Protein backbone atom coordinates (compact mmCIF):
# COMPACT_ATOMS: atom_id res chain seq x y z
CA MET A 1 -21.04 17.35 -9.41
CA SER A 2 -22.74 15.69 -6.45
CA GLU A 3 -21.39 15.49 -2.90
CA LYS A 4 -21.35 11.72 -3.27
CA GLN A 5 -19.01 12.02 -6.24
CA HIS A 6 -16.78 14.46 -4.39
CA ASN A 7 -16.38 12.00 -1.52
CA ARG A 8 -15.36 9.01 -3.59
CA THR A 9 -12.37 7.15 -2.24
CA GLU A 10 -9.88 4.65 -3.56
CA GLY A 11 -10.85 2.70 -6.61
CA ASP A 12 -14.56 3.48 -6.96
CA ILE A 13 -14.03 4.99 -10.39
CA ASN A 14 -15.14 1.77 -12.07
CA LEU A 15 -18.82 2.64 -12.53
CA THR A 16 -18.57 6.10 -14.07
CA SER A 17 -19.10 7.36 -17.62
CA GLU A 18 -15.33 7.48 -18.12
CA ARG A 19 -15.16 3.72 -17.49
CA SER A 20 -17.96 3.21 -20.02
CA ASN A 21 -16.01 5.26 -22.53
CA TRP A 22 -13.00 3.03 -21.87
CA TYR A 23 -14.96 -0.07 -22.86
CA ALA A 24 -16.24 1.66 -25.98
CA ILE A 25 -12.73 1.78 -27.45
CA ILE A 26 -12.10 -1.95 -26.91
CA GLU A 27 -12.64 -3.57 -30.30
CA ASP A 28 -11.17 -7.02 -29.63
CA ALA A 29 -13.98 -9.59 -29.48
CA ASP A 30 -12.03 -12.00 -27.25
CA THR A 31 -11.31 -9.28 -24.70
CA LEU A 32 -14.94 -8.25 -24.53
CA SER A 33 -16.04 -11.88 -24.24
CA TYR A 34 -13.66 -12.61 -21.38
CA LEU A 35 -14.70 -9.45 -19.55
CA GLU A 36 -18.33 -10.53 -19.87
CA GLU A 37 -17.46 -14.01 -18.54
CA ASP A 38 -15.57 -12.48 -15.63
CA ALA A 39 -18.65 -10.46 -14.73
CA GLU A 40 -20.84 -13.56 -15.13
CA TYR A 41 -18.89 -16.03 -12.96
CA PHE A 42 -17.33 -13.95 -10.20
CA LEU A 43 -19.25 -12.40 -7.34
CA HIS A 44 -19.36 -8.67 -7.96
CA GLN A 45 -17.70 -6.39 -5.44
CA ALA A 46 -16.70 -2.75 -5.12
CA LEU A 47 -13.28 -1.65 -6.33
CA SER A 48 -12.74 -4.59 -8.71
CA THR A 49 -15.90 -5.18 -10.74
CA PRO A 50 -16.00 -4.68 -13.67
CA CYS A 51 -12.38 -5.29 -14.67
CA LEU A 52 -10.37 -3.03 -16.95
CA ASP A 53 -8.77 -5.53 -19.31
CA VAL A 54 -7.67 -9.15 -19.69
CA LEU A 55 -3.99 -9.85 -19.02
CA ALA A 56 -1.90 -12.48 -20.77
CA SER A 57 1.62 -11.93 -19.42
CA CYS A 58 3.90 -9.67 -17.45
CA GLU A 59 7.61 -8.89 -17.34
CA GLY A 60 9.71 -6.22 -15.68
CA ILE A 61 7.54 -3.11 -15.33
CA TYR A 62 5.04 -4.22 -17.97
CA LEU A 63 1.64 -5.91 -18.04
CA THR A 64 0.58 -7.27 -21.45
CA ASP A 65 -3.04 -7.94 -22.39
CA ILE A 66 -4.33 -10.67 -24.70
CA GLN A 67 -4.17 -8.27 -27.67
CA GLY A 68 -0.47 -7.65 -27.03
CA LYS A 69 -0.90 -4.14 -25.63
CA LYS A 70 1.65 -3.27 -22.93
CA TYR A 71 1.03 -1.17 -19.82
CA MET A 72 3.74 0.32 -17.64
CA ASP A 73 2.46 -0.74 -14.24
CA PHE A 74 2.64 2.10 -11.70
CA HIS A 75 0.23 0.30 -9.36
CA GLY A 76 0.90 -3.43 -9.13
CA ASN A 77 -1.01 -3.83 -5.86
CA ASN A 78 2.38 -3.01 -4.32
CA VAL A 79 3.79 -6.50 -4.91
CA HIS A 80 6.19 -5.64 -7.75
CA GLN A 81 9.18 -4.06 -6.03
CA VAL A 82 11.65 -6.24 -7.96
CA GLY A 83 9.57 -6.29 -11.12
CA TYR A 84 7.40 -8.96 -12.67
CA ARG A 85 8.85 -12.39 -13.46
CA ASN A 86 12.17 -11.42 -11.94
CA PRO A 87 14.52 -14.16 -13.26
CA TYR A 88 16.53 -14.36 -10.04
CA VAL A 89 13.35 -14.91 -8.02
CA LEU A 90 11.80 -17.37 -10.46
CA ASP A 91 14.91 -19.55 -10.61
CA LYS A 92 14.90 -19.87 -6.82
CA ILE A 93 11.17 -20.72 -6.74
CA LYS A 94 11.48 -23.28 -9.55
CA ALA A 95 14.32 -25.04 -7.74
CA GLN A 96 12.31 -25.16 -4.51
CA LEU A 97 9.23 -26.40 -6.37
CA ASP A 98 11.09 -29.57 -7.30
CA ILE A 99 12.10 -30.25 -3.68
CA LEU A 100 9.50 -29.13 -1.11
CA PRO A 101 6.57 -27.09 -2.46
CA PHE A 102 4.50 -27.36 0.74
CA SER A 103 5.24 -27.83 4.42
CA PRO A 104 2.34 -29.12 6.57
CA ARG A 105 1.69 -27.87 10.07
CA ARG A 106 3.72 -29.33 12.97
CA TYR A 107 6.80 -29.31 10.72
CA THR A 108 9.21 -26.57 9.82
CA ASN A 109 11.56 -26.16 6.86
CA VAL A 110 14.90 -24.52 6.14
CA PRO A 111 13.64 -21.71 3.83
CA ALA A 112 11.12 -20.56 6.48
CA ILE A 113 13.77 -20.56 9.19
CA GLU A 114 16.22 -18.68 6.96
CA LEU A 115 13.61 -16.03 6.14
CA ALA A 116 12.71 -15.53 9.80
CA LYS A 117 16.41 -15.07 10.61
CA LYS A 118 16.85 -12.68 7.70
CA LEU A 119 13.95 -10.43 8.69
CA GLY A 120 15.20 -10.30 12.27
CA SER A 121 18.67 -9.33 11.06
CA LEU A 122 17.27 -6.44 8.99
CA LEU A 123 15.20 -4.96 11.82
CA PRO A 124 16.57 -2.97 14.77
CA GLY A 125 16.67 -3.73 18.47
CA ASP A 126 14.85 -6.80 19.71
CA LEU A 127 12.42 -7.07 16.78
CA LYS A 128 13.28 -10.73 16.27
CA ARG A 129 10.18 -12.88 16.72
CA VAL A 130 8.41 -13.76 13.46
CA LEU A 131 5.17 -15.34 12.30
CA PHE A 132 4.24 -15.88 8.66
CA ALA A 133 0.82 -15.73 7.01
CA PRO A 134 -0.55 -16.11 3.47
CA GLY A 135 -1.63 -12.46 3.20
CA GLY A 136 -1.32 -9.01 4.70
CA THR A 137 -4.82 -9.01 6.16
CA SER A 138 -3.88 -12.07 8.19
CA SER A 139 -0.74 -10.38 9.46
CA ILE A 140 -2.88 -7.54 10.82
CA SER A 141 -5.11 -10.10 12.51
CA MET A 142 -2.10 -11.76 14.17
CA ALA A 143 -0.72 -8.41 15.34
CA LEU A 144 -4.03 -7.41 16.92
CA LYS A 145 -4.31 -10.75 18.71
CA LEU A 146 -0.74 -10.56 19.96
CA ALA A 147 -1.28 -7.00 21.23
CA ARG A 148 -4.25 -8.19 23.32
CA ILE A 149 -2.15 -10.94 24.87
CA VAL A 150 0.87 -8.73 25.55
CA THR A 151 -1.07 -5.80 27.04
CA GLY A 152 -4.15 -7.49 28.45
CA LYS A 153 -6.21 -4.77 26.70
CA HIS A 154 -8.53 -5.17 23.74
CA LYS A 155 -8.97 -1.53 22.74
CA ILE A 156 -7.00 -0.05 19.86
CA ILE A 157 -6.67 3.29 18.08
CA SER A 158 -6.44 3.61 14.30
CA LEU A 159 -6.88 6.37 11.73
CA TRP A 160 -9.90 7.45 9.75
CA ASP A 161 -9.49 6.57 6.03
CA SER A 162 -6.91 3.90 6.87
CA PHE A 163 -6.90 0.49 5.21
CA HIS A 164 -5.45 -2.57 6.94
CA GLY A 165 -7.14 -5.41 5.06
CA ALA A 166 -10.61 -6.66 4.17
CA SER A 167 -11.46 -9.31 6.80
CA LEU A 168 -13.95 -8.41 9.54
CA ASP A 169 -11.27 -7.76 12.17
CA ALA A 170 -9.14 -5.78 9.71
CA ILE A 171 -12.01 -3.58 8.54
CA SER A 172 -12.91 -3.07 12.19
CA ALA A 173 -9.44 -1.64 12.69
CA GLY A 174 -9.47 0.25 9.39
CA GLY A 175 -11.10 3.58 8.72
CA GLU A 176 -12.50 3.34 5.17
CA LEU A 177 -16.29 3.43 5.07
CA ASP A 178 -16.46 1.48 1.81
CA PHE A 179 -15.29 -1.65 3.60
CA ARG A 180 -17.42 -1.27 6.75
CA LYS A 181 -20.77 -0.21 5.31
CA ASP A 182 -23.60 -2.76 5.60
CA MET A 183 -21.46 -5.11 7.70
CA GLY A 184 -23.30 -4.71 10.99
CA PRO A 185 -21.49 -5.23 14.32
CA LEU A 186 -17.71 -5.25 14.05
CA MET A 187 -14.90 -5.80 16.53
CA PRO A 188 -15.48 -3.66 19.64
CA GLY A 189 -13.01 -1.31 21.23
CA VAL A 190 -11.77 0.59 18.17
CA GLU A 191 -11.28 4.34 18.42
CA ARG A 192 -10.32 6.32 15.32
CA ILE A 193 -8.50 9.62 15.06
CA PRO A 194 -7.78 11.88 12.07
CA PRO A 195 -4.74 11.01 9.95
CA PRO A 196 -1.81 13.43 9.75
CA MET A 197 -2.48 15.34 6.54
CA THR A 198 -0.30 18.14 5.28
CA TYR A 199 -2.52 19.44 2.48
CA ARG A 200 -6.12 19.14 3.62
CA GLY A 201 -7.49 18.20 7.00
CA PRO A 202 -9.11 19.57 10.17
CA PHE A 203 -5.87 20.22 12.07
CA PHE A 204 -3.60 21.55 9.37
CA SER A 205 -3.27 24.87 7.62
CA SER A 206 -0.38 26.54 5.86
CA GLY A 207 2.46 27.29 8.24
CA ASN A 208 1.41 24.82 10.91
CA SER A 209 2.92 21.43 11.73
CA ASP A 210 1.12 18.11 11.89
CA LEU A 211 1.82 17.72 15.61
CA ALA A 212 -1.82 18.39 16.45
CA TYR A 213 -2.64 14.96 15.04
CA ALA A 214 -0.21 13.36 17.50
CA ASP A 215 -1.68 15.41 20.33
CA TYR A 216 -5.09 14.02 19.37
CA LEU A 217 -3.68 10.51 19.85
CA GLU A 218 -2.67 11.27 23.43
CA TYR A 219 -6.00 12.96 24.13
CA VAL A 220 -7.92 9.83 23.11
CA ILE A 221 -5.57 7.51 25.01
CA GLU A 222 -6.08 9.52 28.19
CA LYS A 223 -9.84 10.00 27.79
CA GLU A 224 -10.71 6.50 26.64
CA GLY A 225 -8.38 4.46 28.84
CA ASP A 226 -7.52 0.78 28.38
CA ILE A 227 -5.90 1.33 24.98
CA GLY A 228 -3.53 -1.50 24.11
CA ALA A 229 -2.27 -0.56 20.64
CA PHE A 230 -2.06 2.13 17.98
CA VAL A 231 -2.28 0.71 14.42
CA ILE A 232 -1.00 2.95 11.64
CA GLU A 233 0.80 2.97 8.30
CA THR A 234 4.19 4.65 8.62
CA ILE A 235 3.38 6.51 5.40
CA ARG A 236 -0.13 6.16 4.04
CA ASN A 237 0.21 4.37 0.75
CA THR A 238 -3.07 5.10 -1.02
CA ASP A 239 -2.80 8.88 -1.32
CA VAL A 240 0.80 9.22 -0.11
CA GLN A 241 0.44 11.03 3.20
CA ILE A 242 3.93 11.55 4.66
CA PRO A 243 4.04 12.57 8.34
CA SER A 244 6.80 14.82 9.65
CA GLN A 245 9.74 13.73 11.79
CA ALA A 246 8.20 15.69 14.67
CA TYR A 247 4.95 13.73 14.34
CA TRP A 248 6.69 10.39 14.59
CA ASP A 249 8.94 11.49 17.46
CA ARG A 250 5.85 12.54 19.39
CA VAL A 251 3.85 9.39 18.54
CA ARG A 252 6.66 7.10 19.63
CA GLU A 253 7.06 9.03 22.90
CA ILE A 254 3.29 8.94 23.58
CA CYS A 255 3.01 5.19 22.96
CA THR A 256 6.02 4.42 25.15
CA ARG A 257 4.83 6.59 28.03
CA HIS A 258 1.29 5.20 28.00
CA LYS A 259 2.43 1.60 27.40
CA VAL A 260 0.53 1.42 24.11
CA LEU A 261 2.01 -0.90 21.49
CA LEU A 262 2.90 0.84 18.23
CA ILE A 263 1.89 -1.50 15.39
CA LEU A 264 3.18 -0.36 12.01
CA ASP A 265 1.43 -1.53 8.86
CA GLU A 266 4.14 -1.52 6.19
CA ILE A 267 2.43 -4.14 4.07
CA PRO A 268 2.40 -1.97 0.90
CA ILE A 269 5.50 0.18 1.46
CA ALA A 270 8.34 -1.94 2.86
CA PHE A 271 11.26 -3.41 0.90
CA GLY A 272 12.69 -0.32 -0.74
CA ARG A 273 9.58 1.57 -1.82
CA THR A 274 10.61 4.65 0.21
CA GLY A 275 14.35 4.31 -0.42
CA LYS A 276 14.85 2.33 2.79
CA MET A 277 14.25 -1.35 3.41
CA PHE A 278 11.50 -0.32 5.85
CA ALA A 279 9.70 3.03 5.77
CA PHE A 280 10.17 3.72 9.51
CA GLU A 281 13.93 3.84 8.93
CA ASN A 282 13.37 7.24 7.30
CA TYR A 283 12.41 8.52 10.76
CA GLY A 284 14.81 6.67 13.06
CA PHE A 285 12.39 5.11 15.55
CA GLU A 286 11.35 1.51 16.31
CA PRO A 287 7.87 -0.01 16.19
CA ASP A 288 6.76 -2.66 18.66
CA ILE A 289 5.24 -4.87 15.97
CA ILE A 290 5.59 -4.51 12.21
CA CYS A 291 3.24 -6.05 9.65
CA LEU A 292 4.69 -7.01 6.26
CA GLY A 293 3.22 -8.48 3.07
CA LYS A 294 2.55 -7.81 -0.61
CA GLY A 295 6.10 -7.33 -1.95
CA LEU A 296 7.40 -9.91 0.51
CA GLY A 297 6.30 -12.58 -1.97
CA ALA A 298 8.20 -10.88 -4.82
CA GLY A 299 5.14 -10.53 -7.03
CA VAL A 300 4.80 -14.32 -7.29
CA MET A 301 3.76 -15.90 -3.99
CA PRO A 302 1.21 -14.73 -1.40
CA MET A 303 3.39 -14.11 1.64
CA ALA A 304 3.10 -11.92 4.74
CA ALA A 305 4.59 -11.68 8.22
CA ILE A 306 4.65 -9.96 11.55
CA VAL A 307 7.85 -9.26 13.44
CA ALA A 308 7.56 -8.47 17.14
CA ARG A 309 9.82 -7.77 20.08
CA GLU A 310 11.56 -10.71 21.74
CA SER A 311 9.75 -10.02 24.99
CA TYR A 312 6.39 -10.51 23.27
CA ASN A 313 7.00 -14.24 22.83
CA VAL A 314 4.28 -14.99 25.40
CA ALA A 315 1.51 -16.63 23.35
CA GLY A 316 2.68 -20.23 23.37
CA SER A 317 -0.69 -21.53 24.49
CA ILE A 318 -2.72 -19.56 21.91
CA SER A 319 -2.86 -19.88 18.12
CA LEU A 320 -2.08 -16.43 16.73
CA GLY A 321 -2.11 -17.58 13.13
CA HIS A 322 -2.38 -21.33 12.53
CA PHE A 323 -2.63 -20.87 8.75
CA THR A 324 -2.39 -23.83 6.38
CA HIS A 325 0.30 -22.06 4.34
CA GLU A 326 1.98 -20.41 7.34
CA LYS A 327 5.55 -21.62 6.74
CA SER A 328 5.37 -21.82 2.97
CA PRO A 329 8.70 -23.00 1.51
CA LEU A 330 7.86 -21.39 -1.83
CA GLY A 331 6.84 -18.10 -0.22
CA SER A 332 9.95 -18.10 1.96
CA VAL A 333 12.26 -18.75 -0.99
CA ALA A 334 10.54 -15.98 -2.98
CA ALA A 335 10.98 -13.53 -0.10
CA LEU A 336 14.62 -14.44 0.44
CA ALA A 337 15.32 -14.03 -3.27
CA MET A 338 13.57 -10.64 -3.30
CA LEU A 339 15.68 -9.41 -0.37
CA GLU A 340 18.87 -10.76 -1.91
CA PHE A 341 18.08 -9.10 -5.23
CA ILE A 342 17.53 -5.73 -3.55
CA GLU A 343 20.83 -5.99 -1.66
CA GLN A 344 22.92 -7.36 -4.52
CA ASN A 345 21.71 -4.75 -7.01
CA ASN A 346 21.91 -1.67 -4.74
CA ILE A 347 18.19 -1.04 -5.26
CA LEU A 348 17.87 1.22 -2.20
CA GLU A 349 20.49 3.64 -3.52
CA LYS A 350 18.88 3.54 -6.96
CA VAL A 351 15.47 4.42 -5.52
CA GLN A 352 16.92 7.35 -3.58
CA ASN A 353 18.41 8.72 -6.81
CA ASP A 354 15.14 8.09 -8.67
CA ALA A 355 13.33 10.12 -5.99
CA LEU A 356 15.44 13.18 -6.78
CA PHE A 357 14.64 12.81 -10.47
CA MET A 358 10.92 12.36 -9.80
CA GLN A 359 10.78 15.42 -7.56
CA GLU A 360 12.44 17.59 -10.20
CA GLU A 361 10.24 16.34 -13.04
CA ILE A 362 6.94 16.48 -11.16
CA ASP A 363 7.79 19.97 -9.93
CA LYS A 364 8.02 20.98 -13.60
CA LEU A 365 4.57 19.53 -14.21
CA ALA A 366 3.22 21.48 -11.24
CA GLU A 367 4.58 24.72 -12.70
CA LYS A 368 2.91 23.96 -16.03
CA PHE A 369 -0.48 22.69 -14.84
CA PRO A 370 -2.64 24.65 -12.35
CA LEU A 371 -4.57 21.38 -11.95
CA ILE A 372 -1.80 20.11 -9.67
CA GLY A 373 -2.54 21.31 -6.16
CA ASP A 374 -0.04 19.25 -4.17
CA ILE A 375 2.85 16.84 -4.69
CA ARG A 376 3.82 14.28 -2.06
CA GLY A 377 6.57 11.77 -2.61
CA ILE A 378 9.35 9.66 -1.17
CA GLY A 379 11.46 7.07 -2.96
CA LEU A 380 9.29 5.65 -5.74
CA LEU A 381 5.98 6.40 -4.04
CA TRP A 382 4.33 9.58 -5.34
CA GLY A 383 0.96 11.24 -5.01
CA ILE A 384 -0.15 14.07 -7.30
CA GLU A 385 -3.31 15.75 -5.99
CA LEU A 386 -5.47 17.44 -8.62
CA VAL A 387 -7.68 20.38 -7.70
CA LYS A 388 -10.07 22.67 -9.55
CA ASP A 389 -8.89 25.67 -7.56
CA LYS A 390 -5.74 25.98 -5.45
CA GLU A 391 -7.39 28.36 -3.02
CA THR A 392 -10.42 26.22 -2.21
CA LYS A 393 -8.62 22.91 -2.87
CA GLU A 394 -11.81 21.58 -4.47
CA LYS A 395 -11.09 18.08 -5.75
CA ALA A 396 -10.70 17.70 -9.51
CA VAL A 397 -12.40 14.31 -9.64
CA ARG A 398 -13.43 14.17 -13.28
CA GLU A 399 -10.06 15.51 -14.37
CA ALA A 400 -8.28 12.80 -12.37
CA GLU A 401 -10.34 10.16 -14.15
CA ILE A 402 -9.57 11.66 -17.53
CA VAL A 403 -5.84 11.63 -16.73
CA MET A 404 -6.00 7.99 -15.65
CA TYR A 405 -7.85 6.78 -18.74
CA GLU A 406 -5.71 8.84 -21.10
CA CYS A 407 -2.66 7.22 -19.52
CA LEU A 408 -4.20 3.76 -19.84
CA LYS A 409 -4.89 4.39 -23.53
CA ASN A 410 -1.22 5.23 -23.98
CA GLY A 411 0.22 2.36 -21.97
CA MET A 412 0.58 3.56 -18.38
CA SER A 413 -1.45 2.13 -15.50
CA PHE A 414 -1.89 3.59 -12.01
CA LYS A 415 -4.69 4.10 -9.52
CA VAL A 416 -6.60 7.17 -8.38
CA SER A 417 -7.07 7.53 -4.61
CA GLN A 418 -9.46 9.74 -2.65
CA GLY A 419 -11.09 10.63 -5.96
CA ASN A 420 -8.37 13.05 -7.10
CA VAL A 421 -4.90 11.77 -6.16
CA LEU A 422 -2.81 10.13 -8.87
CA GLN A 423 -0.78 7.50 -7.00
CA LEU A 424 2.40 6.42 -8.75
CA SER A 425 4.36 3.41 -7.49
CA PRO A 426 6.32 1.65 -10.25
CA PRO A 427 8.59 -1.37 -9.83
CA LEU A 428 11.84 -0.33 -8.19
CA THR A 429 13.71 -1.86 -11.12
CA ILE A 430 12.33 0.74 -13.55
CA THR A 431 14.99 2.40 -15.69
CA ARG A 432 15.46 6.14 -16.01
CA GLU A 433 14.36 6.00 -19.64
CA GLU A 434 11.18 4.18 -18.66
CA LEU A 435 10.50 6.80 -15.98
CA LYS A 436 10.93 9.56 -18.55
CA ALA A 437 8.57 7.82 -20.97
CA ALA A 438 5.93 7.37 -18.27
CA LEU A 439 6.13 11.00 -17.18
CA GLN A 440 5.70 12.08 -20.80
CA ILE A 441 2.52 10.00 -21.02
CA LEU A 442 1.35 11.64 -17.78
CA GLU A 443 2.14 15.13 -19.09
CA ASN A 444 0.16 14.49 -22.27
CA ALA A 445 -2.79 13.27 -20.21
CA LEU A 446 -2.68 16.36 -18.00
CA GLU A 447 -2.82 18.46 -21.17
CA VAL A 448 -6.04 16.71 -22.18
CA ALA A 449 -7.58 17.02 -18.70
CA SER A 450 -6.71 20.70 -18.52
CA LEU A 451 -8.96 21.37 -21.49
CA VAL A 452 -12.01 19.98 -19.71
CA GLU A 453 -14.70 22.59 -19.15
CA LYS A 454 -14.85 23.46 -15.46
CA TYR A 455 -18.20 23.09 -13.76
């Protein structure tokens, strides 16, 4: 296997022989025709072309294609915390649709105000000032602009392999090469440091902590100078990297002492995914700005936000966002309904109990399959890293693909990250029986992959 294949990152499994084999088993003429039309009319791009299947409907944890085949969706682009077509959410949106579906600029509306108040009430300290946007990438853009105004500094630090959106400013801040390659000059003043990794990485080995990664942050701040912000996911969603409490204590202390704003990207992992409303609550510290999105729109509306400290309300003469759909009544109603559903149905407690079940069951899989090199999980966010050899930690890339496609054949969808990490993030409404069924599908797929000749 080539070095290029070993270094594949999120999503770029869509041009391999395993993907070709997937198409070979599709016999439905309509599906094949629609897939061909999709490839004919849309601009091709990495990570999404060609498509896997053609969807007709969704409900709860399931996606259904035009042939009637159902997939348990353990991916969902992280928008499906309260499940697809949640009746409580849809009823609220339908009612709003008949009253005020759009609010033009220069006006406000009650749902937007209520959502801003609600987010402020859920967050600690003086995190009270809100701006909405139509997508998570735009929330990152607003946060970066606000940080420049608040600090008077344009330089930021981010992590290698991070993803914060696909616009030019967001990919400038991000660390994934796939999004930056061939783009030419990007936003200046970005320094990147290694992410805290507990299984593989330059500053971690068995028995050591991940504090060296935090020390690296301070080293760059002191050497570079003029750093205004540190942009980071609280827990990296794609391959489920979970920093230690000590790491976050140190990072918060470093940012405070050096007057560097701590911007948390919780776009994919807020709203119960980790068993808390916000992932940083697992660590007990406060960010300076938090970016939200994806699940904020309840799997129906595109909706995102930033929430910043009260003292950062200093940009009255500058347009931080100015988006056409900034104060969307429909998006605000969807978000309020999502938050109400989580609170009224004790979803956070449910997710914490589900996490204990997942840990126990995946530990059993690890005992059975030498393919599993590492397990990382919190709440209903889990990463299972497959390796050819536990000593060398060589990535089991082909095996990961085989597992994914075997699961797809049997009605379970998820994504592979970093080439060999099975990332599992189902709707938080998933039942225990559905979790058991999904894990059985995964176990059967691991059996198939384990028979692959090693090379």
